Amino acid sequence: MGFGDIKLAFLMGLLLSWPNILCALFSAFFIGAIVGILLITFGKKTLKSEIPFGPFLVTGTFLATFFGKEIIGWYLNLFLLK
């Protein structure tokens, strides 16, 4: 993560507030990890390669904006159901 990613995450926090920012950051890291693993698996990148993180942060922001409450509700129901 570079300084631009930190500034973008700060603006995400101002836009989304609590708890949607957690949903956005988790989504960004999760999607970024999946894309990174796929790129390494198919030989497009190596473990030393860098991938821009900004597009994943923006994707996580959109997911949290439109589906944040549903994602958080689904996640909490995984642990609260008996």
PDB file of N, CA and C in Angstrom:
ATOM      1  N   MET A   1       0.833  -1.172   0.000  1.00  0.00           N
ATOM      2  CA  MET A   1       0.000   0.000   0.000  1.00  0.00           C
ATOM      3  C   MET A   1       0.882   1.242   0.000  1.00  0.00           C
ATOM      4  N   GLY A   2       0.573   2.124  -0.913  1.00  0.00           N
ATOM      5  CA  GLY A   2       1.286   3.384  -0.971  1.00  0.00           C
ATOM      6  C   GLY A   2       0.510   4.487  -0.281  1.00  0.00           C
ATOM      7  N   PHE A   3       1.075   5.696  -0.311  1.00  0.00           N
ATOM      8  CA  PHE A   3       0.430   6.812   0.358  1.00  0.00           C
ATOM      9  C   PHE A   3      -0.885   7.185  -0.326  1.00  0.00           C
ATOM     10  N   GLY A   4      -0.978   6.993  -1.624  1.00  0.00           N
ATOM     11  CA  GLY A   4      -2.227   7.259  -2.331  1.00  0.00           C
ATOM     12  C   GLY A   4      -3.346   6.342  -1.867  1.00  0.00           C
ATOM     13  N   ASP A   5      -3.000   5.086  -1.584  1.00  0.00           N
ATOM     14  CA  ASP A   5      -3.998   4.141  -1.069  1.00  0.00           C
ATOM     15  C   ASP A   5      -4.472   4.563   0.318  1.00  0.00           C
ATOM     16  N   ILE A   6      -3.581   5.100   1.125  1.00  0.00           N
ATOM     17  CA  ILE A   6      -3.947   5.555   2.461  1.00  0.00           C
ATOM     18  C   ILE A   6      -4.892   6.749   2.368  1.00  0.00           C
ATOM     19  N   LYS A   7      -4.600   7.672   1.463  1.00  0.00           N
ATOM     20  CA  LYS A   7      -5.487   8.825   1.279  1.00  0.00           C
ATOM     21  C   LYS A   7      -6.857   8.376   0.773  1.00  0.00           C
ATOM     22  N   LEU A   8      -6.868   7.419  -0.148  1.00  0.00           N
ATOM     23  CA  LEU A   8      -8.134   6.901  -0.667  1.00  0.00           C
ATOM     24  C   LEU A   8      -8.924   6.205   0.438  1.00  0.00           C
ATOM     25  N   ALA A   9      -8.245   5.433   1.287  1.00  0.00           N
ATOM     26  CA  ALA A   9      -8.932   4.751   2.389  1.00  0.00           C
ATOM     27  C   ALA A   9      -9.491   5.761   3.390  1.00  0.00           C
ATOM     28  N   PHE A  10      -8.781   6.871   3.617  1.00  0.00           N
ATOM     29  CA  PHE A  10      -9.294   7.909   4.501  1.00  0.00           C
ATOM     30  C   PHE A  10     -10.586   8.502   3.945  1.00  0.00           C
ATOM     31  N   LEU A  11     -10.601   8.787   2.647  1.00  0.00           N
ATOM     32  CA  LEU A  11     -11.815   9.316   2.022  1.00  0.00           C
ATOM     33  C   LEU A  11     -12.949   8.291   2.036  1.00  0.00           C
ATOM     34  N   MET A  12     -12.600   7.023   1.891  1.00  0.00           N
ATOM     35  CA  MET A  12     -13.608   5.969   1.995  1.00  0.00           C
ATOM     36  C   MET A  12     -14.255   5.985   3.372  1.00  0.00           C
ATOM     37  N   GLY A  13     -13.440   6.172   4.415  1.00  0.00           N
ATOM     38  CA  GLY A  13     -13.959   6.221   5.773  1.00  0.00           C
ATOM     39  C   GLY A  13     -14.902   7.385   5.979  1.00  0.00           C
ATOM     40  N   LEU A  14     -14.566   8.533   5.380  1.00  0.00           N
ATOM     41  CA  LEU A  14     -15.453   9.686   5.485  1.00  0.00           C
ATOM     42  C   LEU A  14     -16.766   9.448   4.746  1.00  0.00           C
ATOM     43  N   LEU A  15     -16.692   8.786   3.610  1.00  0.00           N
ATOM     44  CA  LEU A  15     -17.886   8.536   2.805  1.00  0.00           C
ATOM     45  C   LEU A  15     -18.783   7.462   3.418  1.00  0.00           C
ATOM     46  N   LEU A  16     -18.184   6.370   3.867  1.00  0.00           N
ATOM     47  CA  LEU A  16     -18.961   5.200   4.292  1.00  0.00           C
ATOM     48  C   LEU A  16     -19.304   5.188   5.771  1.00  0.00           C
ATOM     49  N   SER A  17     -18.419   5.643   6.609  1.00  0.00           N
ATOM     50  CA  SER A  17     -18.522   5.620   8.063  1.00  0.00           C
ATOM     51  C   SER A  17     -18.594   4.179   8.592  1.00  0.00           C
ATOM     52  N   TRP A  18     -18.817   4.094   9.891  1.00  0.00           N
ATOM     53  CA  TRP A  18     -18.820   2.797  10.568  1.00  0.00           C
ATOM     54  C   TRP A  18     -20.167   2.133  10.368  1.00  0.00           C
ATOM     55  N   PRO A  19     -20.331   0.882  10.163  1.00  0.00           N
ATOM     56  CA  PRO A  19     -19.412  -0.223   9.982  1.00  0.00           C
ATOM     57  C   PRO A  19     -19.137  -0.540   8.509  1.00  0.00           C
ATOM     58  N   ASN A  20     -19.698   0.269   7.592  1.00  0.00           N
ATOM     59  CA  ASN A  20     -19.513  -0.028   6.170  1.00  0.00           C
ATOM     60  C   ASN A  20     -18.053   0.062   5.727  1.00  0.00           C
ATOM     61  N   ILE A  21     -17.241   0.862   6.417  1.00  0.00           N
ATOM     62  CA  ILE A  21     -15.831   0.936   6.037  1.00  0.00           C
ATOM     63  C   ILE A  21     -15.143  -0.408   6.252  1.00  0.00           C
ATOM     64  N   LEU A  22     -15.555  -1.124   7.301  1.00  0.00           N
ATOM     65  CA  LEU A  22     -14.976  -2.465   7.514  1.00  0.00           C
ATOM     66  C   LEU A  22     -15.342  -3.409   6.378  1.00  0.00           C
ATOM     67  N   CYS A  23     -16.580  -3.321   5.936  1.00  0.00           N
ATOM     68  CA  CYS A  23     -17.036  -4.138   4.813  1.00  0.00           C
ATOM     69  C   CYS A  23     -16.253  -3.801   3.553  1.00  0.00           C
ATOM     70  N   ALA A  24     -16.033  -2.511   3.312  1.00  0.00           N
ATOM     71  CA  ALA A  24     -15.308  -2.078   2.114  1.00  0.00           C
ATOM     72  C   ALA A  24     -13.853  -2.531   2.155  1.00  0.00           C
ATOM     73  N   LEU A  25     -13.191  -2.358   3.286  1.00  0.00           N
ATOM     74  CA  LEU A  25     -11.784  -2.764   3.388  1.00  0.00           C
ATOM     75  C   LEU A  25     -11.631  -4.270   3.299  1.00  0.00           C
ATOM     76  N   PHE A  26     -12.506  -5.007   3.982  1.00  0.00           N
ATOM     77  CA  PHE A  26     -12.442  -6.464   3.894  1.00  0.00           C
ATOM     78  C   PHE A  26     -12.659  -6.930   2.460  1.00  0.00           C
ATOM     79  N   SER A  27     -13.640  -6.344   1.783  1.00  0.00           N
ATOM     80  CA  SER A  27     -13.916  -6.711   0.390  1.00  0.00           C
ATOM     81  C   SER A  27     -12.726  -6.395  -0.505  1.00  0.00           C
ATOM     82  N   ALA A  28     -12.117  -5.234  -0.292  1.00  0.00           N
ATOM     83  CA  ALA A  28     -10.972  -4.837  -1.114  1.00  0.00           C
ATOM     84  C   ALA A  28      -9.806  -5.807  -0.929  1.00  0.00           C
ATOM     85  N   PHE A  29      -9.481  -6.129   0.308  1.00  0.00           N
ATOM     86  CA  PHE A  29      -8.375  -7.053   0.551  1.00  0.00           C
ATOM     87  C   PHE A  29      -8.694  -8.455   0.039  1.00  0.00           C
ATOM     88  N   PHE A  30      -9.931  -8.898   0.224  1.00  0.00           N
ATOM     89  CA  PHE A  30     -10.320 -10.233  -0.216  1.00  0.00           C
ATOM     90  C   PHE A  30     -10.274 -10.353  -1.739  1.00  0.00           C
ATOM     91  N   ILE A  31     -10.858  -9.396  -2.442  1.00  0.00           N
ATOM     92  CA  ILE A  31     -10.852  -9.435  -3.909  1.00  0.00           C
ATOM     93  C   ILE A  31      -9.432  -9.282  -4.439  1.00  0.00           C
ATOM     94  N   GLY A  32      -8.651  -8.399  -3.824  1.00  0.00           N
ATOM     95  CA  GLY A  32      -7.257  -8.233  -4.230  1.00  0.00           C
ATOM     96  C   GLY A  32      -6.445  -9.503  -4.052  1.00  0.00           C
ATOM     97  N   ALA A  33      -6.690 -10.208  -2.959  1.00  0.00           N
ATOM     98  CA  ALA A  33      -5.980 -11.467  -2.720  1.00  0.00           C
ATOM     99  C   ALA A  33      -6.355 -12.521  -3.758  1.00  0.00           C
ATOM    100  N   ILE A  34      -7.631 -12.613  -4.074  1.00  0.00           N
ATOM    101  CA  ILE A  34      -8.069 -13.599  -5.068  1.00  0.00           C
ATOM    102  C   ILE A  34      -7.463 -13.281  -6.431  1.00  0.00           C
ATOM    103  N   VAL A  35      -7.510 -12.014  -6.838  1.00  0.00           N
ATOM    104  CA  VAL A  35      -6.935 -11.622  -8.133  1.00  0.00           C
ATOM    105  C   VAL A  35      -5.440 -11.876  -8.139  1.00  0.00           C
ATOM    106  N   GLY A  36      -4.751 -11.542  -7.046  1.00  0.00           N
ATOM    107  CA  GLY A  36      -3.310 -11.788  -6.967  1.00  0.00           C
ATOM    108  C   GLY A  36      -2.964 -13.261  -7.082  1.00  0.00           C
ATOM    109  N   ILE A  37      -3.712 -14.095  -6.387  1.00  0.00           N
ATOM    110  CA  ILE A  37      -3.470 -15.546  -6.457  1.00  0.00           C
ATOM    111  C   ILE A  37      -3.716 -16.060  -7.868  1.00  0.00           C
ATOM    112  N   LEU A  38      -4.783 -15.583  -8.511  1.00  0.00           N
ATOM    113  CA  LEU A  38      -5.058 -16.020  -9.883  1.00  0.00           C
ATOM    114  C   LEU A  38      -3.960 -15.573 -10.848  1.00  0.00           C
ATOM    115  N   LEU A  39      -3.479 -14.346 -10.694  1.00  0.00           N
ATOM    116  CA  LEU A  39      -2.411 -13.863 -11.574  1.00  0.00           C
ATOM    117  C   LEU A  39      -1.118 -14.651 -11.376  1.00  0.00           C
ATOM    118  N   ILE A  40      -0.811 -15.006 -10.155  1.00  0.00           N
ATOM    119  CA  ILE A  40       0.388 -15.814  -9.893  1.00  0.00           C
ATOM    120  C   ILE A  40       0.198 -17.225 -10.432  1.00  0.00           C
ATOM    121  N   THR A  41      -0.991 -17.781 -10.253  1.00  0.00           N
ATOM    122  CA  THR A  41      -1.275 -19.143 -10.717  1.00  0.00           C
ATOM    123  C   THR A  41      -1.130 -19.257 -12.234  1.00  0.00           C
ATOM    124  N   PHE A  42      -1.620 -18.263 -12.958  1.00  0.00           N
ATOM    125  CA  PHE A  42      -1.563 -18.306 -14.413  1.00  0.00           C
ATOM    126  C   PHE A  42      -0.273 -17.738 -14.984  1.00  0.00           C
ATOM    127  N   GLY A  43       0.673 -17.383 -14.127  1.00  0.00           N
ATOM    128  CA  GLY A  43       1.987 -16.964 -14.580  1.00  0.00           C
ATOM    129  C   GLY A  43       2.076 -15.534 -15.096  1.00  0.00           C
ATOM    130  N   LYS A  44       1.055 -14.717 -14.877  1.00  0.00           N
ATOM    131  CA  LYS A  44       1.080 -13.321 -15.338  1.00  0.00           C
ATOM    132  C   LYS A  44       1.933 -12.451 -14.415  1.00  0.00           C
ATOM    133  N   LYS A  45       2.001 -12.809 -13.125  1.00  0.00           N
ATOM    134  CA  LYS A  45       2.778 -12.075 -12.132  1.00  0.00           C
ATOM    135  C   LYS A  45       3.576 -13.054 -11.303  1.00  0.00           C
ATOM    136  N   THR A  46       4.578 -12.521 -10.592  1.00  0.00           N
ATOM    137  CA  THR A  46       5.361 -13.330  -9.663  1.00  0.00           C
ATOM    138  C   THR A  46       5.103 -12.820  -8.250  1.00  0.00           C
ATOM    139  N   LEU A  47       5.699 -13.488  -7.267  1.00  0.00           N
ATOM    140  CA  LEU A  47       5.530 -13.053  -5.888  1.00  0.00           C
ATOM    141  C   LEU A  47       6.165 -11.688  -5.642  1.00  0.00           C
ATOM    142  N   LYS A  48       7.118 -11.298  -6.461  1.00  0.00           N
ATOM    143  CA  LYS A  48       7.784 -10.004  -6.312  1.00  0.00           C
ATOM    144  C   LYS A  48       7.056  -8.882  -7.049  1.00  0.00           C
ATOM    145  N   SER A  49       6.079  -9.200  -7.859  1.00  0.00           N
ATOM    146  CA  SER A  49       5.371  -8.197  -8.657  1.00  0.00           C
ATOM    147  C   SER A  49       4.476  -7.338  -7.779  1.00  0.00           C
ATOM    148  N   GLU A  50       4.231  -6.121  -8.243  1.00  0.00           N
ATOM    149  CA  GLU A  50       3.316  -5.219  -7.551  1.00  0.00           C
ATOM    150  C   GLU A  50       2.030  -5.083  -8.361  1.00  0.00           C
ATOM    151  N   ILE A  51       0.928  -5.020  -7.639  1.00  0.00           N
ATOM    152  CA  ILE A  51      -0.383  -4.849  -8.256  1.00  0.00           C
ATOM    153  C   ILE A  51      -1.000  -3.597  -7.630  1.00  0.00           C
ATOM    154  N   PRO A  52      -1.523  -2.672  -8.424  1.00  0.00           N
ATOM    155  CA  PRO A  52      -2.158  -1.481  -7.842  1.00  0.00           C
ATOM    156  C   PRO A  52      -3.359  -1.863  -6.973  1.00  0.00           C
ATOM    157  N   PHE A  53      -3.433  -1.250  -5.799  1.00  0.00           N
ATOM    158  CA  PHE A  53      -4.483  -1.595  -4.851  1.00  0.00           C
ATOM    159  C   PHE A  53      -5.690  -0.668  -4.957  1.00  0.00           C
ATOM    160  N   GLY A  54      -5.535   0.479  -5.575  1.00  0.00           N
ATOM    161  CA  GLY A  54      -6.615   1.459  -5.696  1.00  0.00           C
ATOM    162  C   GLY A  54      -7.884   0.912  -6.325  1.00  0.00           C
ATOM    163  N   PRO A  55      -7.789   0.173  -7.444  1.00  0.00           N
ATOM    164  CA  PRO A  55      -9.021  -0.368  -8.036  1.00  0.00           C
ATOM    165  C   PRO A  55      -9.786  -1.309  -7.104  1.00  0.00           C
ATOM    166  N   PHE A  56      -9.078  -2.026  -6.256  1.00  0.00           N
ATOM    167  CA  PHE A  56      -9.746  -2.917  -5.311  1.00  0.00           C
ATOM    168  C   PHE A  56     -10.422  -2.115  -4.204  1.00  0.00           C
ATOM    169  N   LEU A  57      -9.795  -1.007  -3.785  1.00  0.00           N
ATOM    170  CA  LEU A  57     -10.418  -0.137  -2.795  1.00  0.00           C
ATOM    171  C   LEU A  57     -11.704   0.479  -3.345  1.00  0.00           C
ATOM    172  N   VAL A  58     -11.672   0.898  -4.603  1.00  0.00           N
ATOM    173  CA  VAL A  58     -12.873   1.474  -5.223  1.00  0.00           C
ATOM    174  C   VAL A  58     -13.962   0.417  -5.354  1.00  0.00           C
ATOM    175  N   THR A  59     -13.593  -0.795  -5.735  1.00  0.00           N
ATOM    176  CA  THR A  59     -14.563  -1.884  -5.835  1.00  0.00           C
ATOM    177  C   THR A  59     -15.188  -2.180  -4.476  1.00  0.00           C
ATOM    178  N   GLY A  60     -14.362  -2.224  -3.440  1.00  0.00           N
ATOM    179  CA  GLY A  60     -14.882  -2.443  -2.092  1.00  0.00           C
ATOM    180  C   GLY A  60     -15.805  -1.333  -1.648  1.00  0.00           C
ATOM    181  N   THR A  61     -15.504  -0.091  -2.050  1.00  0.00           N
ATOM    182  CA  THR A  61     -16.371   1.035  -1.710  1.00  0.00           C
ATOM    183  C   THR A  61     -17.732   0.890  -2.361  1.00  0.00           C
ATOM    184  N   PHE A  62     -17.754   0.522  -3.635  1.00  0.00           N
ATOM    185  CA  PHE A  62     -19.031   0.332  -4.315  1.00  0.00           C
ATOM    186  C   PHE A  62     -19.822  -0.821  -3.701  1.00  0.00           C
ATOM    187  N   LEU A  63     -19.148  -1.914  -3.376  1.00  0.00           N
ATOM    188  CA  LEU A  63     -19.851  -3.036  -2.746  1.00  0.00           C
ATOM    189  C   LEU A  63     -20.453  -2.628  -1.407  1.00  0.00           C
ATOM    190  N   ALA A  64     -19.688  -1.887  -0.606  1.00  0.00           N
ATOM    191  CA  ALA A  64     -20.182  -1.472   0.704  1.00  0.00           C
ATOM    192  C   ALA A  64     -21.292  -0.437   0.577  1.00  0.00           C
ATOM    193  N   THR A  65     -21.212   0.410  -0.436  1.00  0.00           N
ATOM    194  CA  THR A  65     -22.246   1.421  -0.619  1.00  0.00           C
ATOM    195  C   THR A  65     -23.583   0.793  -0.977  1.00  0.00           C
ATOM    196  N   PHE A  66     -23.563  -0.158  -1.887  1.00  0.00           N
ATOM    197  CA  PHE A  66     -24.806  -0.735  -2.373  1.00  0.00           C
ATOM    198  C   PHE A  66     -25.268  -1.974  -1.601  1.00  0.00           C
ATOM    199  N   PHE A  67     -24.328  -2.760  -1.077  1.00  0.00           N
ATOM    200  CA  PHE A  67     -24.694  -4.024  -0.424  1.00  0.00           C
ATOM    201  C   PHE A  67     -24.130  -4.163   0.981  1.00  0.00           C
ATOM    202  N   GLY A  68     -23.670  -3.073   1.585  1.00  0.00           N
ATOM    203  CA  GLY A  68     -22.995  -3.141   2.880  1.00  0.00           C
ATOM    204  C   GLY A  68     -23.834  -3.750   3.980  1.00  0.00           C
ATOM    205  N   LYS A  69     -25.067  -3.304   4.121  1.00  0.00           N
ATOM    206  CA  LYS A  69     -25.923  -3.823   5.190  1.00  0.00           C
ATOM    207  C   LYS A  69     -26.210  -5.306   5.004  1.00  0.00           C
ATOM    208  N   GLU A  70     -26.421  -5.725   3.765  1.00  0.00           N
ATOM    209  CA  GLU A  70     -26.680  -7.143   3.507  1.00  0.00           C
ATOM    210  C   GLU A  70     -25.443  -7.994   3.807  1.00  0.00           C
ATOM    211  N   ILE A  71     -24.275  -7.514   3.410  1.00  0.00           N
ATOM    212  CA  ILE A  71     -23.037  -8.267   3.660  1.00  0.00           C
ATOM    213  C   ILE A  71     -22.772  -8.373   5.149  1.00  0.00           C
ATOM    214  N   ILE A  72     -22.935  -7.271   5.880  1.00  0.00           N
ATOM    215  CA  ILE A  72     -22.702  -7.288   7.323  1.00  0.00           C
ATOM    216  C   ILE A  72     -23.725  -8.179   8.016  1.00  0.00           C
ATOM    217  N   GLY A  73     -24.980  -8.093   7.602  1.00  0.00           N
ATOM    218  CA  GLY A  73     -26.008  -8.956   8.176  1.00  0.00           C
ATOM    219  C   GLY A  73     -25.735 -10.422   7.933  1.00  0.00           C
ATOM    220  N   TRP A  74     -25.314 -10.752   6.722  1.00  0.00           N
ATOM    221  CA  TRP A  74     -24.975 -12.142   6.403  1.00  0.00           C
ATOM    222  C   TRP A  74     -23.812 -12.625   7.253  1.00  0.00           C
ATOM    223  N   TYR A  75     -22.789 -11.775   7.402  1.00  0.00           N
ATOM    224  CA  TYR A  75     -21.602 -12.149   8.174  1.00  0.00           C
ATOM    225  C   TYR A  75     -21.949 -12.356   9.645  1.00  0.00           C
ATOM    226  N   LEU A  76     -22.739 -11.467  10.209  1.00  0.00           N
ATOM    227  CA  LEU A  76     -23.119 -11.604  11.613  1.00  0.00           C
ATOM    228  C   LEU A  76     -24.000 -12.820  11.832  1.00  0.00           C
ATOM    229  N   ASN A  77     -24.850 -13.152  10.884  1.00  0.00           N
ATOM    230  CA  ASN A  77     -25.702 -14.338  11.036  1.00  0.00           C
ATOM    231  C   ASN A  77     -24.899 -15.624  11.006  1.00  0.00           C
ATOM    232  N   LEU A  78     -23.713 -15.617  10.442  1.00  0.00           N
ATOM    233  CA  LEU A  78     -22.880 -16.816  10.474  1.00  0.00           C
ATOM    234  C   LEU A  78     -22.489 -17.192  11.890  1.00  0.00           C
ATOM    235  N   PHE A  79     -22.333 -16.169  12.743  1.00  0.00           N
ATOM    236  CA  PHE A  79     -21.858 -16.428  14.101  1.00  0.00           C
ATOM    237  C   PHE A  79     -22.955 -16.362  15.155  1.00  0.00           C
ATOM    238  N   LEU A  80     -24.054 -15.700  14.860  1.00  0.00           N
ATOM    239  CA  LEU A  80     -25.103 -15.531  15.850  1.00  0.00           C
ATOM    240  C   LEU A  80     -26.164 -16.627  15.812  1.00  0.00           C
ATOM    241  N   LEU A  81     -26.233 -17.375  14.715  1.00  0.00           N
ATOM    242  CA  LEU A  81     -27.206 -18.469  14.648  1.00  0.00           C
ATOM    243  C   LEU A  81     -26.741 -19.645  15.501  1.00  0.00           C
ATOM    244  N   LYS A  82     -27.691 -20.261  16.143  1.00  0.00           N
ATOM    245  CA  LYS A  82     -27.325 -21.384  17.016  1.00  0.00           C
ATOM    246  C   LYS A  82     -27.806 -22.683  16.456  1.00  0.00           C
TER     247      LYS A  82
END
